[in-house]
Amino acid sequence: METNIEHATNDQSESKTGSDKTHLSVVERYYKPKYILDCQANEDEDLCILTHSNRICIITLAPSHPVVRDKKTIKQISFKVGGVDRLNNKVSGKGKRPLTEGYIAIVLPKLKDHEQVLKKLKTEEEYKQRRVDFSGAGGS
């Protein structure tokens, strides 16, 4: 029986070093990247939607988006939606913040819409096939 325990311990340590899970960011460990290509019919304006198993989605610009690809600088962002300034929204929670910059929004889709919306998004493999120049992109 000792041999089995030692063997299991060795397998666990090999899998940790093999996949290097100890050095992944929170986003890389817990979020799966999905993509919207040519958002709102704007060529190459792709978005990356980082999806968590709890339905929380982090919206970011994809590596192929002109702002990221061409290293442009964003000078101004308006958070006004329908005449309401979303910067004034009350935010609650544990206050955990991802270490990376560049998030556009964090949203929680309605439960009834979540699966339907996810089906419309492209997988990381589909994104890489369509955007060959960015085949190293993604969070996992």
N, C-alpha and C. Protein backbone atom coordinates (compact mmCIF):
# COMPACT_ATOMS: atom_id res chain seq x y z
N MET A 1 0.83 -1.20 0.00
CA MET A 1 0.00 0.00 0.00
C MET A 1 0.86 1.26 0.00
N GLU A 2 2.01 1.23 0.68
CA GLU A 2 2.90 2.37 0.66
C GLU A 2 3.34 2.71 -0.75
N THR A 3 3.59 1.72 -1.55
CA THR A 3 4.02 1.94 -2.92
C THR A 3 2.97 2.71 -3.70
N ASN A 4 1.71 2.36 -3.51
CA ASN A 4 0.63 3.07 -4.20
C ASN A 4 0.56 4.54 -3.79
N ILE A 5 0.75 4.81 -2.52
CA ILE A 5 0.70 6.19 -2.04
C ILE A 5 1.87 6.98 -2.63
N GLU A 6 3.06 6.38 -2.60
CA GLU A 6 4.22 7.05 -3.17
C GLU A 6 4.01 7.31 -4.66
N HIS A 7 3.47 6.34 -5.34
CA HIS A 7 3.23 6.47 -6.78
C HIS A 7 2.25 7.61 -7.07
N ALA A 8 1.19 7.68 -6.26
CA ALA A 8 0.20 8.74 -6.44
C ALA A 8 0.83 10.11 -6.18
N THR A 9 1.66 10.20 -5.15
CA THR A 9 2.34 11.46 -4.85
C THR A 9 3.25 11.86 -5.99
N ASN A 10 4.00 10.91 -6.55
CA ASN A 10 4.87 11.22 -7.68
C ASN A 10 4.07 11.69 -8.89
N ASP A 11 2.94 11.05 -9.17
CA ASP A 11 2.10 11.46 -10.30
C ASP A 11 1.61 12.89 -10.11
N GLN A 12 1.20 13.24 -8.88
CA GLN A 12 0.70 14.58 -8.63
C GLN A 12 1.79 15.62 -8.82
N SER A 13 3.01 15.34 -8.32
CA SER A 13 4.08 16.32 -8.46
C SER A 13 4.49 16.46 -9.92
N GLU A 14 4.46 15.36 -10.67
CA GLU A 14 4.81 15.43 -12.09
C GLU A 14 3.79 16.26 -12.85
N SER A 15 2.50 16.07 -12.54
CA SER A 15 1.49 16.83 -13.27
C SER A 15 1.57 18.32 -12.93
N LYS A 16 1.94 18.67 -11.69
CA LYS A 16 2.06 20.08 -11.34
C LYS A 16 3.21 20.73 -12.09
N THR A 17 4.36 20.05 -12.12
CA THR A 17 5.50 20.65 -12.82
C THR A 17 5.29 20.60 -14.33
N GLY A 18 4.61 19.58 -14.83
CA GLY A 18 4.38 19.45 -16.26
C GLY A 18 3.47 20.54 -16.80
N SER A 19 2.42 20.88 -16.06
CA SER A 19 1.48 21.90 -16.53
C SER A 19 1.81 23.28 -15.98
N ASP A 20 2.73 23.35 -15.00
CA ASP A 20 3.18 24.61 -14.41
C ASP A 20 2.02 25.45 -13.87
N LYS A 21 1.09 24.78 -13.17
CA LYS A 21 -0.09 25.46 -12.63
C LYS A 21 0.28 26.49 -11.56
N THR A 22 1.43 26.35 -10.92
CA THR A 22 1.81 27.25 -9.84
C THR A 22 2.14 28.65 -10.33
N HIS A 23 2.42 28.83 -11.63
CA HIS A 23 2.81 30.13 -12.15
C HIS A 23 1.74 30.78 -13.02
N LEU A 24 0.57 30.20 -13.08
CA LEU A 24 -0.51 30.79 -13.88
C LEU A 24 -1.20 31.89 -13.09
N SER A 25 -1.65 32.91 -13.79
CA SER A 25 -2.41 33.98 -13.13
C SER A 25 -3.80 33.47 -12.79
N VAL A 26 -4.52 34.24 -12.00
CA VAL A 26 -5.90 33.89 -11.65
C VAL A 26 -6.74 33.74 -12.91
N VAL A 27 -6.56 34.64 -13.85
CA VAL A 27 -7.33 34.60 -15.09
C VAL A 27 -6.99 33.34 -15.88
N GLU A 28 -5.72 33.00 -15.98
CA GLU A 28 -5.32 31.81 -16.73
C GLU A 28 -5.82 30.53 -16.08
N ARG A 29 -5.89 30.51 -14.76
CA ARG A 29 -6.36 29.30 -14.06
C ARG A 29 -7.86 29.12 -14.12
N TYR A 30 -8.62 30.19 -13.99
CA TYR A 30 -10.07 30.06 -13.77
C TYR A 30 -10.97 30.55 -14.90
N TYR A 31 -10.41 31.21 -15.90
CA TYR A 31 -11.23 31.75 -16.97
C TYR A 31 -10.86 31.11 -18.30
N LYS A 32 -11.88 30.88 -19.12
CA LYS A 32 -11.68 30.29 -20.44
C LYS A 32 -11.97 31.37 -21.49
N PRO A 33 -11.02 31.63 -22.40
CA PRO A 33 -11.24 32.68 -23.39
C PRO A 33 -12.19 32.24 -24.51
N LYS A 34 -13.11 33.11 -24.85
CA LYS A 34 -14.01 32.97 -26.00
C LYS A 34 -13.92 34.28 -26.76
N TYR A 35 -14.32 34.28 -28.02
CA TYR A 35 -14.08 35.45 -28.86
C TYR A 35 -15.30 35.87 -29.67
N ILE A 36 -15.42 37.19 -29.86
CA ILE A 36 -16.37 37.77 -30.80
C ILE A 36 -15.51 38.39 -31.90
N LEU A 37 -15.69 37.94 -33.12
CA LEU A 37 -14.90 38.47 -34.24
C LEU A 37 -15.67 39.59 -34.92
N ASP A 38 -14.94 40.61 -35.34
CA ASP A 38 -15.53 41.75 -36.06
C ASP A 38 -16.75 42.30 -35.32
N CYS A 39 -16.55 42.67 -34.08
CA CYS A 39 -17.63 43.15 -33.21
C CYS A 39 -18.39 44.30 -33.86
N GLN A 40 -19.69 44.20 -33.84
CA GLN A 40 -20.59 45.20 -34.43
C GLN A 40 -20.21 45.51 -35.88
N ALA A 41 -19.80 44.46 -36.61
CA ALA A 41 -19.46 44.52 -38.03
C ALA A 41 -18.26 45.41 -38.33
N ASN A 42 -17.42 45.68 -37.33
CA ASN A 42 -16.19 46.45 -37.53
C ASN A 42 -15.04 45.48 -37.74
N GLU A 43 -14.45 45.50 -38.92
CA GLU A 43 -13.42 44.55 -39.29
C GLU A 43 -12.25 44.57 -38.30
N ASP A 44 -11.87 43.38 -37.85
CA ASP A 44 -10.75 43.15 -36.92
C ASP A 44 -10.98 43.69 -35.51
N GLU A 45 -12.10 44.28 -35.22
CA GLU A 45 -12.35 44.76 -33.86
C GLU A 45 -12.92 43.61 -33.02
N ASP A 46 -12.02 42.68 -32.71
CA ASP A 46 -12.38 41.47 -32.00
C ASP A 46 -12.33 41.69 -30.49
N LEU A 47 -13.22 41.00 -29.79
CA LEU A 47 -13.24 41.05 -28.33
C LEU A 47 -12.95 39.66 -27.80
N CYS A 48 -12.30 39.62 -26.64
CA CYS A 48 -12.09 38.37 -25.93
C CYS A 48 -12.97 38.41 -24.69
N ILE A 49 -13.78 37.37 -24.53
CA ILE A 49 -14.66 37.25 -23.37
C ILE A 49 -14.09 36.13 -22.51
N LEU A 50 -13.57 36.48 -21.34
CA LEU A 50 -13.03 35.48 -20.42
C LEU A 50 -14.18 34.97 -19.57
N THR A 51 -14.50 33.68 -19.70
CA THR A 51 -15.67 33.12 -19.03
C THR A 51 -15.26 32.25 -17.85
N HIS A 52 -15.97 32.41 -16.75
CA HIS A 52 -15.74 31.63 -15.53
C HIS A 52 -16.89 30.65 -15.36
N SER A 53 -16.67 29.57 -14.65
CA SER A 53 -17.72 28.57 -14.44
C SER A 53 -18.91 29.14 -13.65
N ASN A 54 -18.72 30.24 -12.93
CA ASN A 54 -19.82 30.86 -12.19
C ASN A 54 -20.60 31.88 -13.03
N ARG A 55 -20.33 31.94 -14.34
CA ARG A 55 -20.99 32.79 -15.33
C ARG A 55 -20.40 34.20 -15.42
N ILE A 56 -19.51 34.58 -14.54
CA ILE A 56 -18.92 35.91 -14.64
C ILE A 56 -18.08 35.96 -15.91
N CYS A 57 -18.21 37.05 -16.64
CA CYS A 57 -17.46 37.24 -17.88
C CYS A 57 -16.67 38.54 -17.80
N ILE A 58 -15.40 38.46 -18.17
CA ILE A 58 -14.55 39.65 -18.24
C ILE A 58 -14.36 39.96 -19.72
N ILE A 59 -14.73 41.16 -20.11
CA ILE A 59 -14.64 41.55 -21.51
C ILE A 59 -13.34 42.32 -21.72
N THR A 60 -12.55 41.87 -22.69
CA THR A 60 -11.28 42.51 -23.01
C THR A 60 -11.16 42.66 -24.53
N LEU A 61 -10.18 43.43 -24.94
CA LEU A 61 -9.86 43.50 -26.37
C LEU A 61 -9.01 42.29 -26.71
N ALA A 62 -9.31 41.66 -27.84
CA ALA A 62 -8.52 40.53 -28.31
C ALA A 62 -7.17 41.03 -28.83
N PRO A 63 -6.16 40.18 -28.87
CA PRO A 63 -4.85 40.60 -29.38
C PRO A 63 -4.90 41.13 -30.82
N SER A 64 -5.89 40.70 -31.59
CA SER A 64 -6.02 41.14 -32.98
C SER A 64 -6.74 42.48 -33.12
N HIS A 65 -7.30 43.00 -32.04
CA HIS A 65 -7.99 44.29 -32.10
C HIS A 65 -6.96 45.38 -32.43
N PRO A 66 -7.31 46.33 -33.29
CA PRO A 66 -6.34 47.37 -33.70
C PRO A 66 -5.69 48.13 -32.55
N VAL A 67 -6.40 48.33 -31.45
CA VAL A 67 -5.82 49.06 -30.32
C VAL A 67 -4.65 48.27 -29.73
N VAL A 68 -4.83 46.96 -29.59
CA VAL A 68 -3.78 46.12 -29.03
C VAL A 68 -2.72 45.83 -30.08
N ARG A 69 -3.17 45.40 -31.25
CA ARG A 69 -2.26 45.02 -32.33
C ARG A 69 -1.31 46.15 -32.72
N ASP A 70 -1.84 47.36 -32.86
CA ASP A 70 -1.05 48.51 -33.30
C ASP A 70 -0.51 49.34 -32.14
N LYS A 71 -0.72 48.85 -30.91
CA LYS A 71 -0.24 49.52 -29.68
C LYS A 71 -0.68 50.98 -29.62
N LYS A 72 -1.96 51.18 -29.90
CA LYS A 72 -2.53 52.54 -29.85
C LYS A 72 -2.80 52.93 -28.41
N THR A 73 -2.95 54.21 -28.17
CA THR A 73 -3.27 54.74 -26.85
C THR A 73 -4.72 55.20 -26.84
N ILE A 74 -5.46 54.77 -25.82
CA ILE A 74 -6.84 55.21 -25.65
C ILE A 74 -6.80 56.50 -24.84
N LYS A 75 -7.37 57.55 -25.39
CA LYS A 75 -7.32 58.86 -24.74
C LYS A 75 -8.53 59.14 -23.87
N GLN A 76 -9.68 58.53 -24.21
CA GLN A 76 -10.89 58.83 -23.45
C GLN A 76 -11.86 57.66 -23.56
N ILE A 77 -12.55 57.37 -22.47
CA ILE A 77 -13.58 56.34 -22.44
C ILE A 77 -14.82 56.94 -21.80
N SER A 78 -15.95 56.72 -22.41
CA SER A 78 -17.22 57.18 -21.84
C SER A 78 -17.96 55.97 -21.28
N PHE A 79 -18.37 56.06 -20.04
CA PHE A 79 -19.13 55.00 -19.41
C PHE A 79 -20.62 55.35 -19.33
N LYS A 80 -21.01 56.33 -20.14
CA LYS A 80 -22.42 56.73 -20.16
C LYS A 80 -23.19 55.80 -21.11
N VAL A 81 -24.21 55.17 -20.56
CA VAL A 81 -25.05 54.25 -21.32
C VAL A 81 -26.48 54.70 -21.13
N GLY A 82 -27.14 55.11 -22.20
CA GLY A 82 -28.52 55.56 -22.09
C GLY A 82 -28.67 56.76 -21.17
N GLY A 83 -27.69 57.64 -21.15
CA GLY A 83 -27.75 58.84 -20.32
C GLY A 83 -27.34 58.62 -18.87
N VAL A 84 -26.99 57.38 -18.51
CA VAL A 84 -26.58 57.07 -17.14
C VAL A 84 -25.08 56.82 -17.12
N ASP A 85 -24.37 57.50 -16.22
CA ASP A 85 -22.93 57.31 -16.10
C ASP A 85 -22.69 56.08 -15.23
N ARG A 86 -22.21 55.00 -15.85
CA ARG A 86 -22.00 53.73 -15.14
C ARG A 86 -20.85 53.78 -14.14
N LEU A 87 -20.03 54.81 -14.17
CA LEU A 87 -18.99 54.95 -13.15
C LEU A 87 -19.59 55.22 -11.78
N ASN A 88 -20.83 55.68 -11.75
CA ASN A 88 -21.50 55.96 -10.49
C ASN A 88 -22.20 54.74 -9.90
N ASN A 89 -22.15 53.59 -10.61
CA ASN A 89 -22.77 52.36 -10.10
C ASN A 89 -22.08 51.91 -8.82
N LYS A 90 -22.87 51.41 -7.87
CA LYS A 90 -22.31 50.87 -6.64
C LYS A 90 -21.79 49.47 -6.93
N VAL A 91 -20.58 49.19 -6.48
CA VAL A 91 -19.96 47.89 -6.69
C VAL A 91 -19.76 47.25 -5.34
N SER A 92 -20.08 45.94 -5.24
CA SER A 92 -19.86 45.24 -3.99
C SER A 92 -19.17 43.91 -4.27
N GLY A 93 -18.61 43.33 -3.25
CA GLY A 93 -17.91 42.06 -3.40
C GLY A 93 -16.70 42.01 -2.51
N LYS A 94 -15.88 41.00 -2.72
CA LYS A 94 -14.71 40.79 -1.87
C LYS A 94 -13.56 41.72 -2.23
N GLY A 95 -13.64 42.37 -3.35
CA GLY A 95 -12.59 43.30 -3.72
C GLY A 95 -11.39 42.66 -4.38
N LYS A 96 -11.52 41.41 -4.83
CA LYS A 96 -10.42 40.77 -5.54
C LYS A 96 -10.28 41.42 -6.90
N ARG A 97 -9.05 41.69 -7.26
CA ARG A 97 -8.81 42.33 -8.55
C ARG A 97 -7.79 41.53 -9.32
N PRO A 98 -8.05 41.26 -10.58
CA PRO A 98 -7.05 40.57 -11.40
C PRO A 98 -5.79 41.42 -11.53
N LEU A 99 -4.67 40.78 -11.76
CA LEU A 99 -3.39 41.48 -11.82
C LEU A 99 -3.15 42.15 -13.17
N THR A 100 -3.88 41.77 -14.18
CA THR A 100 -3.63 42.28 -15.52
C THR A 100 -4.47 43.51 -15.80
N GLU A 101 -4.00 44.38 -16.66
CA GLU A 101 -4.75 45.57 -17.05
C GLU A 101 -5.50 45.30 -18.35
N GLY A 102 -6.41 46.21 -18.68
CA GLY A 102 -7.04 46.15 -19.98
C GLY A 102 -8.44 45.59 -20.02
N TYR A 103 -9.08 45.44 -18.88
CA TYR A 103 -10.44 44.94 -18.89
C TYR A 103 -11.41 46.05 -19.22
N ILE A 104 -12.35 45.75 -20.10
CA ILE A 104 -13.36 46.73 -20.48
C ILE A 104 -14.53 46.68 -19.50
N ALA A 105 -14.96 45.46 -19.18
CA ALA A 105 -16.11 45.31 -18.29
C ALA A 105 -16.10 43.93 -17.65
N ILE A 106 -16.76 43.82 -16.51
CA ILE A 106 -17.00 42.54 -15.87
C ILE A 106 -18.51 42.43 -15.75
N VAL A 107 -19.07 41.37 -16.34
CA VAL A 107 -20.53 41.23 -16.38
C VAL A 107 -20.95 39.84 -15.90
N LEU A 108 -22.17 39.75 -15.46
CA LEU A 108 -22.78 38.49 -15.07
C LEU A 108 -24.06 38.33 -15.89
N PRO A 109 -23.99 37.53 -16.98
CA PRO A 109 -25.18 37.35 -17.82
C PRO A 109 -26.31 36.68 -17.05
N LYS A 110 -27.53 36.92 -17.48
CA LYS A 110 -28.68 36.26 -16.88
C LYS A 110 -28.55 34.75 -17.07
N LEU A 111 -28.97 34.01 -16.08
CA LEU A 111 -28.84 32.55 -16.11
C LEU A 111 -29.50 31.96 -17.35
N LYS A 112 -30.68 32.46 -17.70
CA LYS A 112 -31.41 31.89 -18.84
C LYS A 112 -30.73 32.20 -20.18
N ASP A 113 -29.93 33.26 -20.24
CA ASP A 113 -29.26 33.65 -21.49
C ASP A 113 -27.84 33.12 -21.62
N HIS A 114 -27.25 32.70 -20.53
CA HIS A 114 -25.83 32.39 -20.48
C HIS A 114 -25.40 31.34 -21.51
N GLU A 115 -26.02 30.18 -21.53
CA GLU A 115 -25.62 29.11 -22.45
C GLU A 115 -25.82 29.51 -23.91
N GLN A 116 -26.91 30.18 -24.19
CA GLN A 116 -27.19 30.62 -25.56
C GLN A 116 -26.13 31.62 -26.04
N VAL A 117 -25.74 32.52 -25.19
CA VAL A 117 -24.72 33.51 -25.54
C VAL A 117 -23.37 32.83 -25.76
N LEU A 118 -23.00 31.90 -24.88
CA LEU A 118 -21.72 31.20 -25.01
C LEU A 118 -21.61 30.43 -26.32
N LYS A 119 -22.72 29.88 -26.78
CA LYS A 119 -22.71 29.12 -28.04
C LYS A 119 -22.38 30.00 -29.24
N LYS A 120 -22.66 31.28 -29.15
CA LYS A 120 -22.40 32.21 -30.25
C LYS A 120 -20.93 32.64 -30.32
N LEU A 121 -20.21 32.46 -29.21
CA LEU A 121 -18.82 32.90 -29.16
C LEU A 121 -17.90 31.87 -29.80
N LYS A 122 -16.78 32.33 -30.33
CA LYS A 122 -15.79 31.46 -30.94
C LYS A 122 -14.86 30.92 -29.86
N THR A 123 -14.42 29.67 -30.04
CA THR A 123 -13.45 29.09 -29.13
C THR A 123 -12.08 29.67 -29.43
N GLU A 124 -11.12 29.38 -28.57
CA GLU A 124 -9.77 29.87 -28.80
C GLU A 124 -9.19 29.27 -30.08
N GLU A 125 -9.50 28.00 -30.35
CA GLU A 125 -9.01 27.35 -31.56
C GLU A 125 -9.60 28.00 -32.81
N GLU A 126 -10.91 28.31 -32.78
CA GLU A 126 -11.55 28.97 -33.92
C GLU A 126 -10.96 30.36 -34.14
N TYR A 127 -10.68 31.05 -33.05
CA TYR A 127 -10.07 32.38 -33.14
C TYR A 127 -8.70 32.28 -33.81
N LYS A 128 -7.89 31.33 -33.35
CA LYS A 128 -6.55 31.16 -33.91
C LYS A 128 -6.60 30.81 -35.39
N GLN A 129 -7.59 30.02 -35.79
CA GLN A 129 -7.73 29.67 -37.20
C GLN A 129 -8.08 30.89 -38.05
N ARG A 130 -8.96 31.73 -37.53
CA ARG A 130 -9.40 32.91 -38.28
C ARG A 130 -8.38 34.05 -38.23
N ARG A 131 -7.65 34.14 -37.14
CA ARG A 131 -6.66 35.20 -36.96
C ARG A 131 -5.28 34.55 -36.84
N VAL A 132 -4.78 34.04 -37.94
CA VAL A 132 -3.54 33.27 -37.99
C VAL A 132 -2.38 34.03 -37.37
N ASP A 133 -2.30 35.33 -37.55
CA ASP A 133 -1.19 36.13 -37.02
C ASP A 133 -1.17 36.18 -35.50
N PHE A 134 -2.25 35.73 -34.86
CA PHE A 134 -2.35 35.81 -33.40
C PHE A 134 -2.55 34.43 -32.79
N SER A 135 -1.92 33.42 -33.39
CA SER A 135 -2.12 32.05 -32.94
C SER A 135 -1.58 31.79 -31.54
N GLY A 136 -0.76 32.67 -31.00
CA GLY A 136 -0.27 32.50 -29.64
C GLY A 136 -1.14 33.20 -28.62
N ALA A 137 -2.28 33.74 -29.02
CA ALA A 137 -3.14 34.53 -28.14
C ALA A 137 -3.95 33.65 -27.22
N GLY A 138 -4.52 34.27 -26.20
CA GLY A 138 -5.46 33.58 -25.35
C GLY A 138 -4.99 33.46 -23.93
N GLY A 139 -5.93 33.01 -23.07
CA GLY A 139 -5.63 32.93 -21.66
C GLY A 139 -5.35 31.54 -21.15
N SER A 140 -5.46 30.51 -21.96
CA SER A 140 -5.18 29.18 -21.42
C SER A 140 -4.30 28.40 -22.31
